[in-house]
């Protein structure tokens, strides 16, 4: 599956299918937009916002940063770049902000969790509570 043959929505759907044992929520409203995917750990009541991009990893990073004040963790998910130089650039930029990275390896058809996201401590509690309530209201169990 090459980048030209799938969309961000396809990438997110494939990610969900590979992580179906976790509580995952698509298009969670935050401010005047939505987060592509939120991973919710019910036991710890922690939330991870994950932004998906096929081509523009810098935009994925910016989108994750834009909602970082509402989540415990933030991450991006992108296709794995072909060059080591590009991978290093993405890793360096994400490390600056504590952003986790999932890279989709098109050859192996797997997601690699390249960088583990760092805990965010400066959270807007009211907005976080609103998002948690949304997740609780939209849980199937």
N, C-alpha and C. Protein backbone atom coordinates (compact mmCIF):
# COMPACT_ATOMS: atom_id res chain seq x y z
N UNK A 1 0.85 -1.17 0.00
CA UNK A 1 0.00 0.00 0.00
C UNK A 1 0.90 1.24 0.00
N UNK A 2 1.04 1.90 -1.13
CA UNK A 2 1.89 3.09 -1.19
C UNK A 2 1.08 4.32 -0.81
N UNK A 3 1.78 5.41 -0.47
CA UNK A 3 1.13 6.63 0.00
C UNK A 3 0.06 7.13 -0.95
N UNK A 4 0.27 6.95 -2.23
CA UNK A 4 -0.68 7.43 -3.23
C UNK A 4 -1.93 6.56 -3.28
N UNK A 5 -1.87 5.40 -2.67
CA UNK A 5 -2.98 4.46 -2.77
C UNK A 5 -3.85 4.41 -1.53
N UNK A 6 -3.57 5.24 -0.52
CA UNK A 6 -4.43 5.27 0.66
C UNK A 6 -4.50 6.69 1.22
N UNK A 7 -5.58 6.94 1.92
CA UNK A 7 -5.81 8.25 2.50
C UNK A 7 -5.44 8.25 3.99
N UNK A 8 -5.51 9.43 4.60
CA UNK A 8 -5.29 9.51 6.04
C UNK A 8 -6.33 8.68 6.78
N UNK A 9 -7.56 8.71 6.28
CA UNK A 9 -8.63 7.92 6.91
C UNK A 9 -8.33 6.42 6.81
N UNK A 10 -7.79 6.00 5.65
CA UNK A 10 -7.40 4.59 5.50
C UNK A 10 -6.29 4.22 6.49
N UNK A 11 -5.31 5.11 6.63
CA UNK A 11 -4.20 4.87 7.56
C UNK A 11 -4.73 4.75 8.99
N UNK A 12 -5.63 5.65 9.35
CA UNK A 12 -6.23 5.60 10.69
C UNK A 12 -7.03 4.30 10.88
N UNK A 13 -7.78 3.91 9.88
CA UNK A 13 -8.56 2.67 9.96
C UNK A 13 -7.67 1.45 10.14
N UNK A 14 -6.55 1.43 9.42
CA UNK A 14 -5.61 0.32 9.54
C UNK A 14 -4.97 0.33 10.93
N UNK A 15 -4.64 1.52 11.43
CA UNK A 15 -4.08 1.65 12.78
C UNK A 15 -5.08 1.09 13.80
N UNK A 16 -6.33 1.46 13.67
CA UNK A 16 -7.38 0.98 14.59
C UNK A 16 -7.47 -0.54 14.53
N UNK A 17 -7.41 -1.10 13.33
CA UNK A 17 -7.53 -2.55 13.20
C UNK A 17 -6.35 -3.28 13.86
N UNK A 18 -5.20 -2.64 13.91
CA UNK A 18 -4.02 -3.24 14.54
C UNK A 18 -3.98 -3.00 16.06
N UNK A 19 -4.81 -2.08 16.54
CA UNK A 19 -4.83 -1.73 17.96
C UNK A 19 -6.24 -1.87 18.53
N UNK A 20 -6.98 -2.85 18.07
CA UNK A 20 -8.40 -2.96 18.41
C UNK A 20 -8.68 -3.40 19.84
N UNK A 21 -7.66 -3.68 20.63
CA UNK A 21 -7.89 -4.05 22.02
C UNK A 21 -7.92 -2.82 22.92
N UNK A 22 -7.65 -1.66 22.35
CA UNK A 22 -7.63 -0.42 23.12
C UNK A 22 -8.89 0.38 22.84
N UNK A 23 -9.23 1.30 23.74
CA UNK A 23 -10.37 2.19 23.54
C UNK A 23 -9.92 3.34 22.65
N UNK A 24 -10.39 3.31 21.42
CA UNK A 24 -10.00 4.31 20.42
C UNK A 24 -11.25 5.04 19.93
N UNK A 25 -11.14 6.34 19.79
CA UNK A 25 -12.26 7.18 19.38
C UNK A 25 -11.83 8.06 18.21
N UNK A 26 -12.59 8.00 17.13
CA UNK A 26 -12.30 8.81 15.95
C UNK A 26 -12.98 10.18 16.06
N UNK A 27 -12.30 11.18 15.49
CA UNK A 27 -12.86 12.54 15.35
C UNK A 27 -13.46 13.07 16.64
N UNK A 28 -12.64 13.15 17.66
CA UNK A 28 -13.08 13.66 18.96
C UNK A 28 -13.03 15.19 18.92
N UNK A 29 -14.17 15.84 19.22
CA UNK A 29 -14.19 17.31 19.16
C UNK A 29 -13.34 17.96 20.24
N UNK A 30 -12.51 18.89 19.79
CA UNK A 30 -11.66 19.69 20.68
C UNK A 30 -11.61 21.09 20.09
N UNK A 31 -12.02 22.07 20.87
CA UNK A 31 -12.12 23.45 20.40
C UNK A 31 -13.03 23.49 19.17
N UNK A 32 -12.59 24.10 18.10
CA UNK A 32 -13.44 24.21 16.90
C UNK A 32 -13.04 23.19 15.83
N UNK A 33 -12.38 22.14 16.23
CA UNK A 33 -11.93 21.11 15.29
C UNK A 33 -12.08 19.74 15.94
N UNK A 34 -11.49 18.72 15.34
CA UNK A 34 -11.51 17.41 15.98
C UNK A 34 -10.13 16.77 15.86
N UNK A 35 -9.85 15.91 16.83
CA UNK A 35 -8.61 15.15 16.83
C UNK A 35 -8.87 13.87 16.05
N UNK A 36 -7.93 13.48 15.19
CA UNK A 36 -8.12 12.30 14.34
C UNK A 36 -8.48 11.05 15.15
N UNK A 37 -7.73 10.81 16.23
CA UNK A 37 -7.96 9.62 17.04
C UNK A 37 -7.53 9.90 18.48
N UNK A 38 -8.33 9.42 19.41
CA UNK A 38 -7.97 9.52 20.83
C UNK A 38 -7.92 8.11 21.39
N UNK A 39 -6.79 7.81 22.01
CA UNK A 39 -6.62 6.53 22.72
C UNK A 39 -6.90 6.83 24.19
N UNK A 40 -7.85 6.08 24.75
CA UNK A 40 -8.29 6.34 26.12
C UNK A 40 -8.02 5.12 27.00
N UNK A 41 -7.22 5.31 28.02
CA UNK A 41 -6.94 4.26 29.00
C UNK A 41 -7.91 4.45 30.16
N UNK A 42 -8.95 3.64 30.19
CA UNK A 42 -10.00 3.78 31.21
C UNK A 42 -9.47 3.55 32.62
N UNK A 43 -8.54 2.65 32.78
CA UNK A 43 -8.01 2.36 34.11
C UNK A 43 -7.29 3.56 34.72
N UNK A 44 -6.45 4.19 33.91
CA UNK A 44 -5.67 5.33 34.39
C UNK A 44 -6.31 6.67 34.08
N UNK A 45 -7.42 6.63 33.31
CA UNK A 45 -8.11 7.86 32.89
C UNK A 45 -7.15 8.80 32.15
N UNK A 46 -6.31 8.22 31.29
CA UNK A 46 -5.40 9.03 30.50
C UNK A 46 -5.81 8.99 29.03
N UNK A 47 -5.56 10.09 28.36
CA UNK A 47 -5.93 10.22 26.96
C UNK A 47 -4.70 10.61 26.12
N UNK A 48 -4.61 9.98 24.96
CA UNK A 48 -3.56 10.31 24.00
C UNK A 48 -4.22 10.76 22.70
N UNK A 49 -3.90 11.96 22.26
CA UNK A 49 -4.38 12.46 20.97
C UNK A 49 -3.38 12.03 19.90
N UNK A 50 -3.89 11.44 18.81
CA UNK A 50 -3.02 11.00 17.71
C UNK A 50 -3.50 11.66 16.42
N UNK A 51 -2.59 12.37 15.77
CA UNK A 51 -2.88 13.00 14.48
C UNK A 51 -2.23 12.20 13.36
N UNK A 52 -2.97 11.98 12.29
CA UNK A 52 -2.53 11.18 11.14
C UNK A 52 -2.27 12.10 9.95
N UNK A 53 -1.17 11.85 9.26
CA UNK A 53 -0.85 12.57 8.02
C UNK A 53 -0.15 11.62 7.08
N UNK A 54 -0.41 11.78 5.80
CA UNK A 54 0.25 10.98 4.77
C UNK A 54 1.50 11.71 4.26
N UNK A 55 1.38 13.02 4.04
CA UNK A 55 2.48 13.76 3.40
C UNK A 55 3.13 14.82 4.28
N UNK A 56 2.38 15.51 5.11
CA UNK A 56 2.89 16.69 5.80
C UNK A 56 3.09 16.44 7.29
N UNK A 57 4.22 15.81 7.64
CA UNK A 57 4.46 15.48 9.04
C UNK A 57 4.57 16.71 9.93
N UNK A 58 5.04 17.84 9.37
CA UNK A 58 5.14 19.07 10.16
C UNK A 58 3.75 19.56 10.58
N UNK A 59 2.79 19.40 9.69
CA UNK A 59 1.42 19.80 10.01
C UNK A 59 0.86 18.88 11.09
N UNK A 60 1.17 17.60 11.04
CA UNK A 60 0.72 16.66 12.08
C UNK A 60 1.27 17.08 13.44
N UNK A 61 2.53 17.46 13.48
CA UNK A 61 3.14 17.92 14.73
C UNK A 61 2.42 19.17 15.23
N UNK A 62 2.17 20.12 14.35
CA UNK A 62 1.50 21.35 14.76
C UNK A 62 0.09 21.07 15.28
N UNK A 63 -0.63 20.18 14.61
CA UNK A 63 -1.98 19.84 15.05
C UNK A 63 -1.95 19.18 16.44
N UNK A 64 -0.97 18.33 16.67
CA UNK A 64 -0.85 17.69 17.99
C UNK A 64 -0.53 18.74 19.06
N UNK A 65 0.37 19.65 18.76
CA UNK A 65 0.73 20.71 19.70
C UNK A 65 -0.49 21.58 20.02
N UNK A 66 -1.30 21.85 19.00
CA UNK A 66 -2.48 22.72 19.17
C UNK A 66 -3.47 22.20 20.20
N UNK A 67 -3.51 20.89 20.40
CA UNK A 67 -4.46 20.32 21.37
C UNK A 67 -3.76 19.77 22.61
N UNK A 68 -2.47 19.97 22.70
CA UNK A 68 -1.69 19.35 23.78
C UNK A 68 -2.15 19.76 25.17
N UNK A 69 -2.73 20.92 25.31
CA UNK A 69 -3.16 21.38 26.64
C UNK A 69 -4.37 20.62 27.17
N UNK A 70 -4.94 19.73 26.33
CA UNK A 70 -6.15 19.00 26.73
C UNK A 70 -5.90 17.52 26.97
N UNK A 71 -4.72 17.03 26.66
CA UNK A 71 -4.45 15.60 26.70
C UNK A 71 -3.25 15.28 27.58
N UNK A 72 -3.21 14.04 28.03
CA UNK A 72 -2.09 13.57 28.84
C UNK A 72 -0.87 13.29 27.97
N UNK A 73 -1.13 12.89 26.72
CA UNK A 73 -0.07 12.55 25.77
C UNK A 73 -0.52 12.96 24.38
N UNK A 74 0.46 13.24 23.51
CA UNK A 74 0.15 13.51 22.11
C UNK A 74 1.12 12.71 21.23
N UNK A 75 0.61 12.33 20.05
CA UNK A 75 1.43 11.55 19.12
C UNK A 75 0.99 11.85 17.69
N UNK A 76 1.85 11.45 16.76
CA UNK A 76 1.51 11.52 15.35
C UNK A 76 1.67 10.13 14.75
N UNK A 77 1.01 9.91 13.64
CA UNK A 77 1.15 8.66 12.91
C UNK A 77 1.32 9.01 11.43
N UNK A 78 2.42 8.56 10.85
CA UNK A 78 2.76 8.87 9.47
C UNK A 78 3.35 7.64 8.78
N UNK A 79 3.34 7.62 7.46
CA UNK A 79 4.08 6.56 6.77
C UNK A 79 5.58 6.73 7.05
N UNK A 80 6.27 5.63 7.16
CA UNK A 80 7.71 5.67 7.43
C UNK A 80 8.44 6.27 6.21
N UNK A 81 9.19 7.34 6.43
CA UNK A 81 9.94 7.93 5.31
C UNK A 81 10.98 6.97 4.75
N UNK A 82 11.33 7.19 3.52
CA UNK A 82 12.28 6.30 2.84
C UNK A 82 13.73 6.54 3.25
N UNK A 83 14.03 7.77 3.72
CA UNK A 83 15.42 8.07 4.06
C UNK A 83 15.62 8.20 5.56
N UNK A 84 16.77 7.77 6.01
CA UNK A 84 17.14 7.89 7.42
C UNK A 84 17.23 9.36 7.83
N UNK A 85 17.69 10.20 6.93
CA UNK A 85 17.80 11.63 7.21
C UNK A 85 16.43 12.23 7.55
N UNK A 86 15.42 11.87 6.81
CA UNK A 86 14.07 12.36 7.07
C UNK A 86 13.54 11.81 8.40
N UNK A 87 13.77 10.55 8.66
CA UNK A 87 13.33 9.95 9.93
C UNK A 87 13.98 10.69 11.10
N UNK A 88 15.27 10.96 10.98
CA UNK A 88 15.98 11.67 12.05
C UNK A 88 15.41 13.07 12.27
N UNK A 89 15.06 13.76 11.20
CA UNK A 89 14.47 15.10 11.32
C UNK A 89 13.15 15.06 12.07
N UNK A 90 12.32 14.09 11.74
CA UNK A 90 11.03 13.95 12.40
C UNK A 90 11.22 13.61 13.88
N UNK A 91 12.11 12.68 14.16
CA UNK A 91 12.38 12.27 15.54
C UNK A 91 12.89 13.46 16.36
N UNK A 92 13.83 14.22 15.81
CA UNK A 92 14.37 15.38 16.53
C UNK A 92 13.28 16.39 16.85
N UNK A 93 12.43 16.66 15.88
CA UNK A 93 11.36 17.65 16.08
C UNK A 93 10.35 17.16 17.13
N UNK A 94 9.98 15.91 17.06
CA UNK A 94 9.01 15.37 18.02
C UNK A 94 9.58 15.30 19.43
N UNK A 95 10.86 14.99 19.55
CA UNK A 95 11.49 14.93 20.88
C UNK A 95 11.45 16.29 21.57
N UNK A 96 11.55 17.37 20.81
CA UNK A 96 11.51 18.72 21.37
C UNK A 96 10.23 18.95 22.17
N UNK A 97 9.13 18.35 21.69
CA UNK A 97 7.82 18.60 22.27
C UNK A 97 7.24 17.40 23.03
N UNK A 98 8.00 16.32 23.12
CA UNK A 98 7.51 15.13 23.82
C UNK A 98 6.44 14.38 23.06
N UNK A 99 6.42 14.55 21.75
CA UNK A 99 5.40 13.93 20.90
C UNK A 99 5.83 12.51 20.53
N UNK A 100 4.91 11.57 20.68
CA UNK A 100 5.16 10.20 20.27
C UNK A 100 5.04 10.05 18.76
N UNK A 101 5.68 9.03 18.23
CA UNK A 101 5.64 8.80 16.78
C UNK A 101 5.30 7.34 16.49
N UNK A 102 4.27 7.16 15.69
CA UNK A 102 3.98 5.86 15.09
C UNK A 102 4.30 6.00 13.61
N UNK A 103 5.10 5.08 13.09
CA UNK A 103 5.40 5.09 11.66
C UNK A 103 4.89 3.81 11.03
N UNK A 104 4.19 3.99 9.94
CA UNK A 104 3.65 2.85 9.22
C UNK A 104 4.68 2.36 8.21
N UNK A 105 5.14 1.14 8.38
CA UNK A 105 6.10 0.54 7.46
C UNK A 105 5.32 -0.16 6.35
N UNK A 106 5.34 0.45 5.17
CA UNK A 106 4.56 -0.06 4.04
C UNK A 106 5.06 -1.41 3.53
N UNK A 107 6.33 -1.72 3.75
CA UNK A 107 6.88 -3.00 3.30
C UNK A 107 6.41 -4.14 4.21
N UNK A 108 6.46 -3.90 5.52
CA UNK A 108 6.11 -4.93 6.50
C UNK A 108 4.63 -4.90 6.90
N UNK A 109 3.93 -3.81 6.51
CA UNK A 109 2.52 -3.62 6.86
C UNK A 109 2.29 -3.61 8.37
N UNK A 110 3.20 -2.92 9.08
CA UNK A 110 3.10 -2.80 10.54
C UNK A 110 3.34 -1.35 10.96
N UNK A 111 2.87 -1.04 12.16
CA UNK A 111 3.13 0.26 12.77
C UNK A 111 4.26 0.09 13.77
N UNK A 112 5.25 0.97 13.67
CA UNK A 112 6.36 0.97 14.61
C UNK A 112 6.19 2.17 15.54
N UNK A 113 6.24 1.94 16.84
CA UNK A 113 6.14 3.03 17.81
C UNK A 113 7.57 3.53 18.05
N UNK A 114 8.00 4.46 17.22
CA UNK A 114 9.39 4.93 17.17
C UNK A 114 9.78 5.71 18.43
N UNK A 115 8.90 6.60 18.87
CA UNK A 115 9.16 7.43 20.05
C UNK A 115 7.95 7.31 20.97
N UNK A 116 8.19 7.05 22.24
CA UNK A 116 7.12 6.99 23.23
C UNK A 116 6.79 8.43 23.66
N UNK A 117 5.52 8.75 23.65
CA UNK A 117 5.08 10.09 24.00
C UNK A 117 5.34 10.38 25.48
N UNK A 118 5.64 11.65 25.78
CA UNK A 118 5.95 12.07 27.14
C UNK A 118 4.71 12.66 27.81
N UNK A 119 4.60 12.45 29.11
CA UNK A 119 3.45 12.95 29.88
C UNK A 119 3.43 14.47 29.85
N UNK A 120 2.24 15.01 29.64
CA UNK A 120 2.03 16.46 29.66
C UNK A 120 1.46 16.80 31.04
N UNK A 121 2.06 17.76 31.71
CA UNK A 121 1.62 18.10 33.05
C UNK A 121 0.83 19.40 33.12
N UNK A 122 1.02 20.28 32.15
CA UNK A 122 0.32 21.57 32.14
C UNK A 122 -0.95 21.43 31.29
N UNK A 123 -2.01 20.90 31.92
CA UNK A 123 -3.24 20.59 31.20
C UNK A 123 -4.36 21.53 31.63
N UNK A 124 -5.17 21.94 30.67
CA UNK A 124 -6.35 22.75 30.92
C UNK A 124 -7.43 21.81 31.45
N UNK A 125 -7.60 21.78 32.75
CA UNK A 125 -8.45 20.78 33.40
C UNK A 125 -9.91 20.81 32.93
N UNK A 126 -10.47 21.99 32.76
CA UNK A 126 -11.88 22.09 32.34
C UNK A 126 -12.09 21.46 30.96
N UNK A 127 -11.22 21.79 30.02
CA UNK A 127 -11.35 21.23 28.67
C UNK A 127 -11.08 19.72 28.68
N UNK A 128 -10.12 19.29 29.47
CA UNK A 128 -9.82 17.85 29.59
C UNK A 128 -11.04 17.11 30.13
N UNK A 129 -11.70 17.68 31.13
CA UNK A 129 -12.90 17.07 31.70
C UNK A 129 -14.01 16.97 30.66
N UNK A 130 -14.15 17.98 29.83
CA UNK A 130 -15.16 17.97 28.76
C UNK A 130 -14.88 16.83 27.79
N UNK A 131 -13.64 16.64 27.43
CA UNK A 131 -13.27 15.56 26.50
C UNK A 131 -13.48 14.20 27.16
N UNK A 132 -13.07 14.05 28.40
CA UNK A 132 -13.29 12.79 29.13
C UNK A 132 -14.78 12.45 29.18
N UNK A 133 -15.61 13.45 29.42
CA UNK A 133 -17.06 13.22 29.46
C UNK A 133 -17.57 12.77 28.10
N UNK A 134 -17.05 13.38 27.04
CA UNK A 134 -17.42 12.98 25.68
C UNK A 134 -17.07 11.51 25.45
N UNK A 135 -15.87 11.11 25.86
CA UNK A 135 -15.44 9.72 25.68
C UNK A 135 -16.32 8.77 26.49
N UNK A 136 -16.59 9.13 27.72
CA UNK A 136 -17.44 8.29 28.58
C UNK A 136 -18.84 8.16 27.98
N UNK A 137 -19.37 9.25 27.43
CA UNK A 137 -20.71 9.24 26.84
C UNK A 137 -20.76 8.43 25.55
N UNK A 138 -19.61 8.25 24.91
CA UNK A 138 -19.56 7.56 23.62
C UNK A 138 -18.90 6.18 23.71
N UNK A 139 -18.85 5.63 24.92
CA UNK A 139 -18.29 4.28 25.13
C UNK A 139 -19.40 3.26 24.92
N UNK A 140 -19.07 2.17 24.23
CA UNK A 140 -20.05 1.15 23.91
C UNK A 140 -20.37 0.21 25.06
N UNK A 141 -19.50 0.10 26.06
CA UNK A 141 -19.75 -0.88 27.11
C UNK A 141 -20.52 -0.30 28.23
